[in-house]
Amino acid sequence: MEVLRYLLRESKTGMAGLAIILAFISMALLANLIAPYDPMNAVLGDARQPPSPQHPLGTDELGRDLLSRIIYGARTTFLIAVSSTFTAFAVGTALGILSGYLRGAVDAAVNGGTQILLSLPGIVIAIIFVALWGPSLVNLIIAIAIGFIPVYIKLMRAATLQVMSMEYIQAAKMLGLSNLKIMVRHVLPNVLPVGIAQLSTDVGFAILTASGLGFLGLGLDPSIPEWGAMIGSAKNYIFVAPHIIIEVGAVIALSAIGFSLLGNALRDYIDPKRR
């Protein structure tokens, strides 16, 4: 509730980002109720139609209603983006805390792996992974998550090192608590807010990454509504039916902006010095 009050009182951009995100989430959850057509229903005679009263956003290259496919595509795209980001967050948080708390050989090993992953852009790592293991929902989630894990490792390691200097950590050690209990009870709760703020921003980047893979043909089956795949299958008709790419691209950009605005506001809330 305190975060919501902060957004309402002091961060109009953060509130705007939250409103955008909630609108897309509602759209995804209520797709069965608000989509005017079956997103899989192809009518070749209506292919590449511009916006009209019958089809408010027009139709795609197979005559499927574009508005319906965008609405259902929110489900698929958000599932991939949120799942991959939370996976990266969980793995990166665990490794970052272990690295910062235990130090020594564990820290060296984790940092070595992190530097290797950071040497390549996340999208390149995702392309390599999907190219090797094949496109599927699970593989897409893993591929995108791998690119984000190093960010959380470095972020959580730095936050853990700061927490380790606090007196209550030394007191817990003097009381004989195990390393695991200290990390779970005392370190984790104090570093989580930093990761959560980063998490919101990274969901937006994950949407862009998933859409990029779909555009390159490394995403899900083109028949499945997914924003990146929708642009990828329509790129050959950019001069014949530009509305397809423009509309889907605008939706992708708006959703990413929403998460970015909310993430920036959350970082400002956690660290007042940024305000």
C-alpha atoms as a PDB file:
ATOM      1  CA  MET A   1       0.000   0.000   0.000  1.00  0.00           C
ATOM      2  CA  GLU A   2       2.860   2.385   0.718  1.00  0.00           C
ATOM      3  CA  VAL A   3       4.199   1.855  -2.800  1.00  0.00           C
ATOM      4  CA  LEU A   4       0.776   2.582  -4.287  1.00  0.00           C
ATOM      5  CA  ARG A   5       0.476   5.768  -2.218  1.00  0.00           C
ATOM      6  CA  TYR A   6       3.912   6.843  -3.429  1.00  0.00           C
ATOM      7  CA  LEU A   7       2.910   6.254  -7.051  1.00  0.00           C
ATOM      8  CA  LEU A   8      -0.320   8.214  -6.590  1.00  0.00           C
ATOM      9  CA  ARG A   9       1.288  11.168  -4.822  1.00  0.00           C
ATOM     10  CA  GLU A  10       4.800  11.500  -6.209  1.00  0.00           C
ATOM     11  CA  SER A  11       5.220   9.520  -9.429  1.00  0.00           C
ATOM     12  CA  LYS A  12       2.784  10.243 -12.218  1.00  0.00           C
ATOM     13  CA  THR A  13       4.969   8.381 -14.695  1.00  0.00           C
ATOM     14  CA  GLY A  14       5.065   5.333 -12.409  1.00  0.00           C
ATOM     15  CA  MET A  15       1.289   5.431 -12.074  1.00  0.00           C
ATOM     16  CA  ALA A  16       0.971   5.699 -15.853  1.00  0.00           C
ATOM     17  CA  GLY A  17       3.209   2.643 -16.228  1.00  0.00           C
ATOM     18  CA  LEU A  18       1.117   0.715 -13.708  1.00  0.00           C
ATOM     19  CA  ALA A  19      -2.084   1.672 -15.541  1.00  0.00           C
ATOM     20  CA  ILE A  20      -0.631   0.459 -18.858  1.00  0.00           C
ATOM     21  CA  ILE A  21       0.463  -2.836 -17.318  1.00  0.00           C
ATOM     22  CA  LEU A  22      -2.896  -3.435 -15.622  1.00  0.00           C
ATOM     23  CA  ALA A  23      -4.680  -2.702 -18.907  1.00  0.00           C
ATOM     24  CA  PHE A  24      -2.618  -5.314 -20.758  1.00  0.00           C
ATOM     25  CA  ILE A  25      -3.000  -7.868 -17.959  1.00  0.00           C
ATOM     26  CA  SER A  26      -6.769  -7.350 -17.954  1.00  0.00           C
ATOM     27  CA  MET A  27      -6.811  -7.720 -21.717  1.00  0.00           C
ATOM     28  CA  ALA A  28      -4.913 -11.007 -21.488  1.00  0.00           C
ATOM     29  CA  LEU A  29      -7.074 -12.409 -18.698  1.00  0.00           C
ATOM     30  CA  LEU A  30     -10.362 -11.423 -20.349  1.00  0.00           C
ATOM     31  CA  ALA A  31      -9.371 -12.371 -23.896  1.00  0.00           C
ATOM     32  CA  ASN A  32     -12.172 -14.928 -24.179  1.00  0.00           C
ATOM     33  CA  LEU A  33     -14.735 -12.246 -23.335  1.00  0.00           C
ATOM     34  CA  ILE A  34     -13.489  -9.182 -25.193  1.00  0.00           C
ATOM     35  CA  ALA A  35     -11.948 -10.603 -28.389  1.00  0.00           C
ATOM     36  CA  PRO A  36     -14.500 -10.138 -31.181  1.00  0.00           C
ATOM     37  CA  TYR A  37     -13.333 -13.135 -33.245  1.00  0.00           C
ATOM     38  CA  ASP A  38     -11.552 -16.450 -32.944  1.00  0.00           C
ATOM     39  CA  PRO A  39      -7.849 -15.510 -33.368  1.00  0.00           C
ATOM     40  CA  MET A  40      -7.181 -18.743 -35.277  1.00  0.00           C
ATOM     41  CA  ASN A  41     -10.040 -18.321 -37.761  1.00  0.00           C
ATOM     42  CA  ALA A  42      -8.562 -17.547 -41.187  1.00  0.00           C
ATOM     43  CA  VAL A  43     -10.662 -16.103 -44.003  1.00  0.00           C
ATOM     44  CA  LEU A  44      -8.385 -15.795 -47.018  1.00  0.00           C
ATOM     45  CA  GLY A  45     -10.892 -13.617 -48.848  1.00  0.00           C
ATOM     46  CA  ASP A  46     -10.461 -10.977 -46.134  1.00  0.00           C
ATOM     47  CA  ALA A  47      -6.656 -11.067 -46.096  1.00  0.00           C
ATOM     48  CA  ARG A  48      -4.748  -7.818 -45.378  1.00  0.00           C
ATOM     49  CA  GLN A  49      -7.869  -5.696 -44.995  1.00  0.00           C
ATOM     50  CA  PRO A  50      -7.332  -2.205 -43.508  1.00  0.00           C
ATOM     51  CA  PRO A  51      -9.165  -1.156 -40.346  1.00  0.00           C
ATOM     52  CA  SER A  52     -12.928  -1.135 -40.769  1.00  0.00           C
ATOM     53  CA  PRO A  53     -16.081  -1.259 -38.605  1.00  0.00           C
ATOM     54  CA  GLN A  54     -16.097  -5.044 -38.989  1.00  0.00           C
ATOM     55  CA  HIS A  55     -12.403  -5.375 -38.115  1.00  0.00           C
ATOM     56  CA  PRO A  56     -11.330  -2.309 -36.051  1.00  0.00           C
ATOM     57  CA  LEU A  57      -7.605  -3.002 -36.537  1.00  0.00           C
ATOM     58  CA  GLY A  58      -7.910  -4.755 -39.892  1.00  0.00           C
ATOM     59  CA  THR A  59      -6.884  -8.314 -40.738  1.00  0.00           C
ATOM     60  CA  ASP A  60      -3.552 -10.074 -41.160  1.00  0.00           C
ATOM     61  CA  GLU A  61      -2.069 -11.858 -44.160  1.00  0.00           C
ATOM     62  CA  LEU A  62      -4.424 -14.835 -43.670  1.00  0.00           C
ATOM     63  CA  GLY A  63      -7.563 -12.826 -43.034  1.00  0.00           C
ATOM     64  CA  ARG A  64      -7.560 -13.294 -39.263  1.00  0.00           C
ATOM     65  CA  ASP A  65      -8.895 -10.443 -37.139  1.00  0.00           C
ATOM     66  CA  LEU A  66      -5.885  -8.447 -35.955  1.00  0.00           C
ATOM     67  CA  LEU A  67      -7.510  -7.056 -32.812  1.00  0.00           C
ATOM     68  CA  SER A  68      -8.381 -10.557 -31.615  1.00  0.00           C
ATOM     69  CA  ARG A  69      -4.869 -11.816 -32.293  1.00  0.00           C
ATOM     70  CA  ILE A  70      -3.312  -8.877 -30.434  1.00  0.00           C
ATOM     71  CA  ILE A  71      -5.577  -9.515 -27.440  1.00  0.00           C
ATOM     72  CA  TYR A  72      -4.785 -13.235 -27.335  1.00  0.00           C
ATOM     73  CA  GLY A  73      -1.147 -12.505 -28.156  1.00  0.00           C
ATOM     74  CA  ALA A  74      -0.886 -10.601 -24.870  1.00  0.00           C
ATOM     75  CA  ARG A  75      -1.370 -13.928 -23.066  1.00  0.00           C
ATOM     76  CA  THR A  76       1.457 -15.665 -24.879  1.00  0.00           C
ATOM     77  CA  THR A  77       3.884 -12.748 -24.909  1.00  0.00           C
ATOM     78  CA  PHE A  78       3.347 -11.894 -21.241  1.00  0.00           C
ATOM     79  CA  LEU A  79       3.634 -15.555 -20.236  1.00  0.00           C
ATOM     80  CA  ILE A  80       7.031 -15.809 -21.925  1.00  0.00           C
ATOM     81  CA  ALA A  81       8.292 -12.455 -20.648  1.00  0.00           C
ATOM     82  CA  VAL A  82       7.122 -12.804 -17.049  1.00  0.00           C
ATOM     83  CA  SER A  83       8.169 -16.459 -16.712  1.00  0.00           C
ATOM     84  CA  SER A  84      11.638 -15.843 -18.128  1.00  0.00           C
ATOM     85  CA  THR A  85      12.209 -12.754 -15.975  1.00  0.00           C
ATOM     86  CA  PHE A  86      11.073 -14.452 -12.765  1.00  0.00           C
ATOM     87  CA  THR A  87      13.266 -17.451 -13.588  1.00  0.00           C
ATOM     88  CA  ALA A  88      16.273 -15.167 -14.049  1.00  0.00           C
ATOM     89  CA  PHE A  89      15.354 -13.307 -10.863  1.00  0.00           C
ATOM     90  CA  ALA A  90      15.168 -16.512  -8.794  1.00  0.00           C
ATOM     91  CA  VAL A  91      18.393 -18.015 -10.124  1.00  0.00           C
ATOM     92  CA  GLY A  92      20.312 -14.735 -10.120  1.00  0.00           C
ATOM     93  CA  THR A  93      19.190 -13.865  -6.588  1.00  0.00           C
ATOM     94  CA  ALA A  94      20.279 -17.240  -5.218  1.00  0.00           C
ATOM     95  CA  LEU A  95      23.670 -17.128  -6.928  1.00  0.00           C
ATOM     96  CA  GLY A  96      24.229 -13.456  -6.082  1.00  0.00           C
ATOM     97  CA  ILE A  97      23.565 -13.990  -2.390  1.00  0.00           C
ATOM     98  CA  LEU A  98      25.758 -17.101  -2.293  1.00  0.00           C
ATOM     99  CA  SER A  99      28.541 -15.255  -4.070  1.00  0.00           C
ATOM    100  CA  GLY A 100      28.395 -12.187  -1.835  1.00  0.00           C
ATOM    101  CA  TYR A 101      27.977 -14.095   1.408  1.00  0.00           C
ATOM    102  CA  LEU A 102      30.377 -17.027   1.011  1.00  0.00           C
ATOM    103  CA  ARG A 103      33.024 -15.228  -1.083  1.00  0.00           C
ATOM    104  CA  GLY A 104      36.179 -17.236  -1.826  1.00  0.00           C
ATOM    105  CA  ALA A 105      35.998 -20.004  -4.421  1.00  0.00           C
ATOM    106  CA  VAL A 106      32.211 -19.725  -4.742  1.00  0.00           C
ATOM    107  CA  ASP A 107      32.472 -16.009  -5.493  1.00  0.00           C
ATOM    108  CA  ALA A 108      35.234 -16.595  -8.046  1.00  0.00           C
ATOM    109  CA  ALA A 109      33.274 -19.333  -9.820  1.00  0.00           C
ATOM    110  CA  VAL A 110      30.033 -17.347  -9.956  1.00  0.00           C
ATOM    111  CA  ASN A 111      31.814 -14.197 -11.132  1.00  0.00           C
ATOM    112  CA  GLY A 112      33.639 -16.162 -13.826  1.00  0.00           C
ATOM    113  CA  GLY A 113      30.380 -17.539 -15.206  1.00  0.00           C
ATOM    114  CA  THR A 114      28.776 -14.125 -14.980  1.00  0.00           C
ATOM    115  CA  GLN A 115      31.546 -12.481 -16.997  1.00  0.00           C
ATOM    116  CA  ILE A 116      31.231 -15.143 -19.697  1.00  0.00           C
ATOM    117  CA  LEU A 117      27.492 -14.524 -20.034  1.00  0.00           C
ATOM    118  CA  LEU A 118      27.963 -10.757 -19.973  1.00  0.00           C
ATOM    119  CA  SER A 119      30.402 -10.987 -22.887  1.00  0.00           C
ATOM    120  CA  LEU A 120      27.458 -11.626 -25.217  1.00  0.00           C
ATOM    121  CA  PRO A 121      24.220  -9.630 -25.556  1.00  0.00           C
ATOM    122  CA  GLY A 122      21.182 -11.379 -24.131  1.00  0.00           C
ATOM    123  CA  ILE A 123      19.463 -11.575 -27.514  1.00  0.00           C
ATOM    124  CA  VAL A 124      22.500 -13.368 -28.997  1.00  0.00           C
ATOM    125  CA  ILE A 125      22.498 -15.901 -26.157  1.00  0.00           C
ATOM    126  CA  ALA A 126      18.778 -16.482 -26.704  1.00  0.00           C
ATOM    127  CA  ILE A 127      19.245 -16.939 -30.470  1.00  0.00           C
ATOM    128  CA  ILE A 128      22.051 -19.462 -29.945  1.00  0.00           C
ATOM    129  CA  PHE A 129      20.071 -21.420 -27.359  1.00  0.00           C
ATOM    130  CA  VAL A 130      16.878 -21.590 -29.417  1.00  0.00           C
ATOM    131  CA  ALA A 131      18.819 -22.422 -32.585  1.00  0.00           C
ATOM    132  CA  LEU A 132      20.489 -25.356 -30.799  1.00  0.00           C
ATOM    133  CA  TRP A 133      17.512 -26.709 -28.860  1.00  0.00           C
ATOM    134  CA  GLY A 134      14.631 -25.672 -31.085  1.00  0.00           C
ATOM    135  CA  PRO A 135      11.753 -23.221 -30.586  1.00  0.00           C
ATOM    136  CA  SER A 136       9.234 -24.132 -27.901  1.00  0.00           C
ATOM    137  CA  LEU A 137       7.575 -22.315 -25.016  1.00  0.00           C
ATOM    138  CA  VAL A 138       9.917 -23.787 -22.402  1.00  0.00           C
ATOM    139  CA  ASN A 139      13.027 -23.207 -24.514  1.00  0.00           C
ATOM    140  CA  LEU A 140      12.054 -19.594 -25.164  1.00  0.00           C
ATOM    141  CA  ILE A 141      11.610 -18.965 -21.442  1.00  0.00           C
ATOM    142  CA  ILE A 142      14.974 -20.557 -20.608  1.00  0.00           C
ATOM    143  CA  ALA A 143      16.772 -18.805 -23.468  1.00  0.00           C
ATOM    144  CA  ILE A 144      15.563 -15.348 -22.447  1.00  0.00           C
ATOM    145  CA  ALA A 145      16.168 -16.048 -18.751  1.00  0.00           C
ATOM    146  CA  ILE A 146      19.824 -16.966 -19.333  1.00  0.00           C
ATOM    147  CA  GLY A 147      20.492 -13.508 -20.728  1.00  0.00           C
ATOM    148  CA  PHE A 148      19.042 -11.784 -17.647  1.00  0.00           C
ATOM    149  CA  ILE A 149      20.596 -13.983 -14.943  1.00  0.00           C
ATOM    150  CA  PRO A 150      24.001 -12.141 -14.876  1.00  0.00           C
ATOM    151  CA  VAL A 151      22.223  -8.829 -14.183  1.00  0.00           C
ATOM    152  CA  TYR A 152      20.607 -10.211 -11.038  1.00  0.00           C
ATOM    153  CA  ILE A 153      23.784 -11.958  -9.920  1.00  0.00           C
ATOM    154  CA  LYS A 154      25.772  -8.713  -9.976  1.00  0.00           C
ATOM    155  CA  LEU A 155      22.923  -6.695  -8.477  1.00  0.00           C
ATOM    156  CA  MET A 156      22.264  -9.126  -5.624  1.00  0.00           C
ATOM    157  CA  ARG A 157      25.951  -9.697  -4.936  1.00  0.00           C
ATOM    158  CA  ALA A 158      26.478  -5.958  -4.505  1.00  0.00           C
ATOM    159  CA  ALA A 159      23.411  -5.663  -2.275  1.00  0.00           C
ATOM    160  CA  THR A 160      24.557  -8.666  -0.216  1.00  0.00           C
ATOM    161  CA  LEU A 161      27.990  -7.135   0.350  1.00  0.00           C
ATOM    162  CA  GLN A 162      26.295  -4.028   1.711  1.00  0.00           C
ATOM    163  CA  VAL A 163      24.064  -6.049   4.017  1.00  0.00           C
ATOM    164  CA  MET A 164      27.024  -8.083   5.275  1.00  0.00           C
ATOM    165  CA  SER A 165      28.476  -4.978   6.919  1.00  0.00           C
ATOM    166  CA  MET A 166      25.370  -4.499   9.076  1.00  0.00           C
ATOM    167  CA  GLU A 167      25.553  -5.227  12.798  1.00  0.00           C
ATOM    168  CA  TYR A 168      22.583  -7.595  12.820  1.00  0.00           C
ATOM    169  CA  ILE A 169      24.449  -9.971  10.485  1.00  0.00           C
ATOM    170  CA  GLN A 170      27.382 -10.075  12.882  1.00  0.00           C
ATOM    171  CA  ALA A 171      24.986 -10.608  15.773  1.00  0.00           C
ATOM    172  CA  ALA A 172      23.328 -13.517  13.962  1.00  0.00           C
ATOM    173  CA  LYS A 173      26.722 -15.130  13.410  1.00  0.00           C
ATOM    174  CA  MET A 174      27.619 -14.696  17.076  1.00  0.00           C
ATOM    175  CA  LEU A 175      24.358 -16.410  18.044  1.00  0.00           C
ATOM    176  CA  GLY A 176      25.495 -19.439  16.069  1.00  0.00           C
ATOM    177  CA  LEU A 177      22.938 -19.324  13.264  1.00  0.00           C
ATOM    178  CA  SER A 178      23.890 -21.350  10.209  1.00  0.00           C
ATOM    179  CA  ASN A 179      24.901 -19.639   6.994  1.00  0.00           C
ATOM    180  CA  LEU A 180      21.707 -20.852   5.319  1.00  0.00           C
ATOM    181  CA  LYS A 181      19.475 -19.367   8.020  1.00  0.00           C
ATOM    182  CA  ILE A 182      21.324 -16.049   7.923  1.00  0.00           C
ATOM    183  CA  MET A 183      21.034 -15.830   4.150  1.00  0.00           C
ATOM    184  CA  VAL A 184      17.330 -16.719   4.159  1.00  0.00           C
ATOM    185  CA  ARG A 185      16.183 -14.815   7.254  1.00  0.00           C
ATOM    186  CA  HIS A 186      18.418 -11.754   7.238  1.00  0.00           C
ATOM    187  CA  VAL A 187      20.074 -11.249   3.851  1.00  0.00           C
ATOM    188  CA  LEU A 188      17.285 -12.193   1.427  1.00  0.00           C
ATOM    189  CA  PRO A 189      14.553  -9.887   2.862  1.00  0.00           C
ATOM    190  CA  ASN A 190      16.927  -6.920   2.741  1.00  0.00           C
ATOM    191  CA  VAL A 191      18.085  -7.386  -0.862  1.00  0.00           C
ATOM    192  CA  LEU A 192      14.737  -8.376  -2.395  1.00  0.00           C
ATOM    193  CA  PRO A 193      13.420  -4.805  -2.896  1.00  0.00           C
ATOM    194  CA  VAL A 194      16.384  -3.969  -5.138  1.00  0.00           C
ATOM    195  CA  GLY A 195      15.736  -7.023  -7.293  1.00  0.00           C
ATOM    196  CA  ILE A 196      12.003  -6.406  -7.498  1.00  0.00           C
ATOM    197  CA  ALA A 197      12.557  -2.911  -8.874  1.00  0.00           C
ATOM    198  CA  GLN A 198      14.881  -4.345 -11.529  1.00  0.00           C
ATOM    199  CA  LEU A 199      12.378  -7.104 -12.226  1.00  0.00           C
ATOM    200  CA  SER A 200       9.695  -4.720 -13.424  1.00  0.00           C
ATOM    201  CA  THR A 201      11.994  -3.046 -15.926  1.00  0.00           C
ATOM    202  CA  ASP A 202      13.342  -6.363 -17.197  1.00  0.00           C
ATOM    203  CA  VAL A 203       9.870  -7.687 -18.020  1.00  0.00           C
ATOM    204  CA  GLY A 204       9.663  -4.941 -20.626  1.00  0.00           C
ATOM    205  CA  PHE A 205      13.033  -5.908 -22.074  1.00  0.00           C
ATOM    206  CA  ALA A 206      11.957  -9.571 -22.057  1.00  0.00           C
ATOM    207  CA  ILE A 207       8.895  -8.635 -24.121  1.00  0.00           C
ATOM    208  CA  LEU A 208      11.193  -6.987 -26.675  1.00  0.00           C
ATOM    209  CA  THR A 209      13.515 -10.026 -26.679  1.00  0.00           C
ATOM    210  CA  ALA A 210      10.644 -12.491 -27.105  1.00  0.00           C
ATOM    211  CA  SER A 211       9.219 -10.364 -29.906  1.00  0.00           C
ATOM    212  CA  GLY A 212      12.640 -10.215 -31.564  1.00  0.00           C
ATOM    213  CA  LEU A 213      12.942 -14.002 -31.506  1.00  0.00           C
ATOM    214  CA  GLY A 214       9.455 -14.341 -32.915  1.00  0.00           C
ATOM    215  CA  PHE A 215      10.287 -11.861 -35.677  1.00  0.00           C
ATOM    216  CA  LEU A 216      13.366 -13.924 -36.601  1.00  0.00           C
ATOM    217  CA  GLY A 217      11.283 -17.086 -36.823  1.00  0.00           C
ATOM    218  CA  LEU A 218      12.764 -18.545 -33.628  1.00  0.00           C
ATOM    219  CA  GLY A 219       9.591 -18.160 -31.609  1.00  0.00           C
ATOM    220  CA  LEU A 220       6.450 -20.239 -31.378  1.00  0.00           C
ATOM    221  CA  ASP A 221       4.447 -21.626 -34.278  1.00  0.00           C
ATOM    222  CA  PRO A 222       3.284 -18.656 -36.416  1.00  0.00           C
ATOM    223  CA  SER A 223      -0.330 -19.795 -36.068  1.00  0.00           C
ATOM    224  CA  ILE A 224      -0.172 -19.144 -32.299  1.00  0.00           C
ATOM    225  CA  PRO A 225      -0.971 -15.508 -31.453  1.00  0.00           C
ATOM    226  CA  GLU A 226       2.325 -13.971 -30.301  1.00  0.00           C
ATOM    227  CA  TRP A 227       3.293 -10.387 -31.021  1.00  0.00           C
ATOM    228  CA  GLY A 228       6.795 -10.992 -32.366  1.00  0.00           C
ATOM    229  CA  ALA A 229       5.687 -13.853 -34.612  1.00  0.00           C
ATOM    230  CA  MET A 230       2.837 -11.689 -35.901  1.00  0.00           C
ATOM    231  CA  ILE A 231       5.290  -9.031 -37.085  1.00  0.00           C
ATOM    232  CA  GLY A 232       7.630 -11.678 -38.483  1.00  0.00           C
ATOM    233  CA  SER A 233       4.917 -13.292 -40.596  1.00  0.00           C
ATOM    234  CA  ALA A 234       3.725  -9.891 -41.852  1.00  0.00           C
ATOM    235  CA  LYS A 235       7.111  -8.400 -42.782  1.00  0.00           C
ATOM    236  CA  ASN A 236       6.749  -9.514 -46.389  1.00  0.00           C
ATOM    237  CA  TYR A 237       3.624  -7.367 -46.693  1.00  0.00           C
ATOM    238  CA  ILE A 238       5.027  -4.184 -45.167  1.00  0.00           C
ATOM    239  CA  PHE A 239       4.239  -2.129 -48.272  1.00  0.00           C
ATOM    240  CA  VAL A 240       0.920  -3.848 -49.005  1.00  0.00           C
ATOM    241  CA  ALA A 241      -0.501  -3.908 -45.462  1.00  0.00           C
ATOM    242  CA  PRO A 242       1.699  -1.730 -43.224  1.00  0.00           C
ATOM    243  CA  HIS A 243      -1.062  -1.476 -40.604  1.00  0.00           C
ATOM    244  CA  ILE A 244      -0.226  -4.985 -39.360  1.00  0.00           C
ATOM    245  CA  ILE A 245       3.350  -4.155 -38.383  1.00  0.00           C
ATOM    246  CA  ILE A 246       2.526  -0.642 -37.177  1.00  0.00           C
ATOM    247  CA  GLU A 247      -0.275  -1.755 -34.865  1.00  0.00           C
ATOM    248  CA  VAL A 248       1.487  -4.770 -33.378  1.00  0.00           C
ATOM    249  CA  GLY A 249       4.728  -2.808 -33.057  1.00  0.00           C
ATOM    250  CA  ALA A 250       2.907  -0.044 -31.198  1.00  0.00           C
ATOM    251  CA  VAL A 251       1.461  -2.573 -28.751  1.00  0.00           C
ATOM    252  CA  ILE A 252       4.912  -4.076 -28.096  1.00  0.00           C
ATOM    253  CA  ALA A 253       6.445  -0.637 -27.553  1.00  0.00           C
ATOM    254  CA  LEU A 254       3.624   0.516 -25.258  1.00  0.00           C
ATOM    255  CA  SER A 255       3.842  -2.566 -23.036  1.00  0.00           C
ATOM    256  CA  ALA A 256       7.632  -2.252 -22.745  1.00  0.00           C
ATOM    257  CA  ILE A 257       7.307   1.445 -21.898  1.00  0.00           C
ATOM    258  CA  GLY A 258       4.768   0.628 -19.197  1.00  0.00           C
ATOM    259  CA  PHE A 259       7.110  -1.775 -17.423  1.00  0.00           C
ATOM    260  CA  SER A 260      10.033   0.630 -17.817  1.00  0.00           C
ATOM    261  CA  LEU A 261       8.093   3.517 -16.246  1.00  0.00           C
ATOM    262  CA  LEU A 262       6.981   1.372 -13.323  1.00  0.00           C
ATOM    263  CA  GLY A 263      10.483  -0.013 -12.802  1.00  0.00           C
ATOM    264  CA  ASN A 264      12.014   3.465 -12.701  1.00  0.00           C
ATOM    265  CA  ALA A 265       9.389   4.600 -10.188  1.00  0.00           C
ATOM    266  CA  LEU A 266      10.031   1.589  -7.955  1.00  0.00           C
ATOM    267  CA  ARG A 267      13.778   2.285  -7.984  1.00  0.00           C
ATOM    268  CA  ASP A 268      13.095   5.881  -6.980  1.00  0.00           C
ATOM    269  CA  TYR A 269      10.872   4.665  -4.142  1.00  0.00           C
ATOM    270  CA  ILE A 270      13.515   2.260  -2.837  1.00  0.00           C
ATOM    271  CA  ASP A 271      16.366   4.747  -3.194  1.00  0.00           C
ATOM    272  CA  PRO A 272      15.163   8.295  -2.347  1.00  0.00           C
ATOM    273  CA  LYS A 273      18.536   9.704  -3.476  1.00  0.00           C
ATOM    274  CA  ARG A 274      17.467   9.010  -7.086  1.00  0.00           C
ATOM    275  CA  ARG A 275      14.419  11.283  -6.813  1.00  0.00           C
END
